[in-house]
């Protein structure tokens, strides 16, 4: 399965609570933090909701 590396590039200050909770669910709590996830439909949907706060790159295996 494909994997993605997600990096938080913008703050969640003054963002709707739904976006803050989505970022926490992805495992991102601080600026410039990165996490890796499998590219499942659920993860891709969460990424799409907060794409303006993230930098997403595919990881080739």
N, C-alpha and C. Protein backbone atom coordinates (compact mmCIF):
# COMPACT_ATOMS: atom_id res chain seq x y z
N UNK A 1 0.85 -1.18 0.00
CA UNK A 1 0.00 0.00 0.00
C UNK A 1 0.89 1.24 0.00
N UNK A 2 0.45 2.27 -0.66
CA UNK A 2 1.19 3.53 -0.74
C UNK A 2 1.20 4.21 0.62
N UNK A 3 2.25 4.98 0.85
CA UNK A 3 2.37 5.74 2.09
C UNK A 3 2.54 7.21 1.77
N UNK A 4 2.13 8.05 2.71
CA UNK A 4 2.29 9.49 2.54
C UNK A 4 2.96 10.07 3.77
N UNK A 5 3.79 11.10 3.56
CA UNK A 5 4.39 11.86 4.66
C UNK A 5 3.66 13.19 4.72
N UNK A 6 3.14 13.50 5.88
CA UNK A 6 2.35 14.72 6.08
C UNK A 6 3.12 15.63 7.03
N UNK A 7 3.31 16.89 6.63
CA UNK A 7 4.01 17.87 7.46
C UNK A 7 3.10 19.06 7.69
N UNK A 8 2.97 19.48 8.94
CA UNK A 8 2.17 20.66 9.27
C UNK A 8 2.99 21.90 8.97
N UNK A 9 2.48 22.78 8.10
CA UNK A 9 3.21 23.98 7.71
C UNK A 9 2.52 25.27 8.16
N UNK A 10 1.29 25.17 8.64
CA UNK A 10 0.58 26.35 9.15
C UNK A 10 -0.04 26.00 10.49
N UNK A 11 -0.23 27.02 11.30
CA UNK A 11 -0.75 26.84 12.65
C UNK A 11 -2.26 26.57 12.64
N UNK A 12 -2.73 25.94 13.72
CA UNK A 12 -4.16 25.71 13.89
C UNK A 12 -4.81 26.78 14.76
N UNK A 13 -4.04 27.81 15.13
CA UNK A 13 -4.61 28.91 15.91
C UNK A 13 -5.66 29.63 15.07
N UNK A 14 -6.79 29.92 15.68
CA UNK A 14 -7.94 30.59 15.04
C UNK A 14 -8.52 29.79 13.89
N UNK A 15 -8.43 28.47 13.97
CA UNK A 15 -9.05 27.58 12.99
C UNK A 15 -10.28 26.96 13.65
N UNK A 16 -11.25 26.53 12.85
CA UNK A 16 -12.42 25.86 13.43
C UNK A 16 -12.02 24.61 14.21
N UNK A 17 -12.78 24.32 15.24
CA UNK A 17 -12.48 23.17 16.11
C UNK A 17 -12.41 21.86 15.31
N UNK A 18 -13.22 21.75 14.30
CA UNK A 18 -13.21 20.53 13.47
C UNK A 18 -11.85 20.33 12.80
N UNK A 19 -11.25 21.40 12.32
CA UNK A 19 -9.94 21.30 11.68
C UNK A 19 -8.86 20.97 12.70
N UNK A 20 -8.96 21.53 13.90
CA UNK A 20 -7.98 21.25 14.96
C UNK A 20 -8.06 19.77 15.33
N UNK A 21 -9.26 19.23 15.46
CA UNK A 21 -9.42 17.82 15.82
C UNK A 21 -8.93 16.90 14.71
N UNK A 22 -9.11 17.31 13.47
CA UNK A 22 -8.61 16.51 12.35
C UNK A 22 -7.09 16.46 12.38
N UNK A 23 -6.46 17.59 12.65
CA UNK A 23 -5.00 17.62 12.74
C UNK A 23 -4.50 16.72 13.87
N UNK A 24 -5.17 16.74 15.00
CA UNK A 24 -4.78 15.88 16.11
C UNK A 24 -4.99 14.41 15.77
N UNK A 25 -6.06 14.11 15.06
CA UNK A 25 -6.33 12.73 14.66
C UNK A 25 -5.26 12.22 13.69
N UNK A 26 -4.70 13.12 12.89
CA UNK A 26 -3.61 12.75 11.99
C UNK A 26 -2.29 12.60 12.75
N UNK A 27 -2.24 13.06 13.99
CA UNK A 27 -1.02 12.95 14.79
C UNK A 27 -0.14 14.18 14.72
N UNK A 28 -0.71 15.29 14.27
CA UNK A 28 0.05 16.54 14.14
C UNK A 28 -0.38 17.52 15.22
N UNK A 29 0.57 17.91 16.06
CA UNK A 29 0.25 18.80 17.16
C UNK A 29 1.12 20.05 17.18
N UNK A 30 2.24 20.04 16.45
CA UNK A 30 3.16 21.19 16.45
C UNK A 30 3.55 21.55 15.03
N UNK A 31 3.98 22.78 14.86
CA UNK A 31 4.45 23.25 13.55
C UNK A 31 5.66 22.43 13.10
N UNK A 32 5.74 22.16 11.82
CA UNK A 32 6.83 21.43 11.18
C UNK A 32 6.96 19.98 11.64
N UNK A 33 5.95 19.46 12.32
CA UNK A 33 5.95 18.06 12.71
C UNK A 33 5.54 17.23 11.49
N UNK A 34 6.12 16.04 11.37
CA UNK A 34 5.81 15.15 10.25
C UNK A 34 5.38 13.79 10.77
N UNK A 35 4.45 13.18 10.06
CA UNK A 35 4.02 11.82 10.35
C UNK A 35 3.87 11.08 9.03
N UNK A 36 3.95 9.75 9.10
CA UNK A 36 3.74 8.92 7.93
C UNK A 36 2.53 8.04 8.17
N UNK A 37 1.68 7.93 7.15
CA UNK A 37 0.48 7.10 7.23
C UNK A 37 0.33 6.32 5.94
N UNK A 38 -0.39 5.20 6.02
CA UNK A 38 -0.80 4.51 4.80
C UNK A 38 -1.85 5.37 4.10
N UNK A 39 -1.86 5.34 2.79
CA UNK A 39 -2.78 6.19 2.02
C UNK A 39 -4.13 5.49 1.88
N UNK A 40 -4.84 5.36 2.98
CA UNK A 40 -6.18 4.77 2.97
C UNK A 40 -7.20 5.86 2.62
N UNK A 41 -8.39 5.47 2.20
CA UNK A 41 -9.40 6.49 1.90
C UNK A 41 -9.72 7.39 3.10
N UNK A 42 -9.68 6.83 4.31
CA UNK A 42 -9.98 7.63 5.50
C UNK A 42 -8.91 8.70 5.72
N UNK A 43 -7.65 8.32 5.61
CA UNK A 43 -6.55 9.27 5.81
C UNK A 43 -6.56 10.32 4.71
N UNK A 44 -6.79 9.91 3.46
CA UNK A 44 -6.82 10.86 2.36
C UNK A 44 -7.96 11.86 2.50
N UNK A 45 -9.09 11.41 3.04
CA UNK A 45 -10.21 12.31 3.30
C UNK A 45 -9.88 13.34 4.37
N UNK A 46 -9.19 12.90 5.42
CA UNK A 46 -8.78 13.82 6.48
C UNK A 46 -7.77 14.83 5.95
N UNK A 47 -6.84 14.36 5.11
CA UNK A 47 -5.86 15.26 4.51
C UNK A 47 -6.56 16.31 3.65
N UNK A 48 -7.56 15.89 2.91
CA UNK A 48 -8.28 16.81 2.02
C UNK A 48 -8.98 17.92 2.81
N UNK A 49 -9.47 17.61 4.01
CA UNK A 49 -10.17 18.60 4.84
C UNK A 49 -9.26 19.72 5.34
N UNK A 50 -7.97 19.39 5.56
CA UNK A 50 -7.05 20.38 6.12
C UNK A 50 -5.83 20.58 5.22
N UNK A 51 -6.00 20.39 3.91
CA UNK A 51 -4.90 20.48 2.96
C UNK A 51 -4.19 21.84 3.01
N UNK A 52 -4.92 22.90 3.32
CA UNK A 52 -4.33 24.25 3.36
C UNK A 52 -3.36 24.43 4.53
N UNK A 53 -3.31 23.49 5.46
CA UNK A 53 -2.41 23.56 6.61
C UNK A 53 -1.23 22.59 6.47
N UNK A 54 -1.21 21.80 5.41
CA UNK A 54 -0.28 20.68 5.29
C UNK A 54 0.56 20.75 4.05
N UNK A 55 1.65 19.99 4.09
CA UNK A 55 2.46 19.67 2.92
C UNK A 55 2.46 18.14 2.84
N UNK A 56 2.00 17.58 1.73
CA UNK A 56 1.87 16.13 1.58
C UNK A 56 2.78 15.65 0.48
N UNK A 57 3.52 14.58 0.76
CA UNK A 57 4.37 13.99 -0.26
C UNK A 57 4.23 12.46 -0.20
N UNK A 58 4.26 11.85 -1.37
CA UNK A 58 4.17 10.39 -1.44
C UNK A 58 5.54 9.78 -1.15
N UNK A 59 5.51 8.64 -0.47
CA UNK A 59 6.73 7.93 -0.15
C UNK A 59 6.77 6.68 -1.04
N UNK A 60 7.82 6.57 -1.82
CA UNK A 60 7.99 5.39 -2.67
C UNK A 60 8.71 4.30 -1.88
N UNK A 61 8.20 3.08 -2.00
CA UNK A 61 8.81 1.98 -1.28
C UNK A 61 9.39 0.97 -2.22
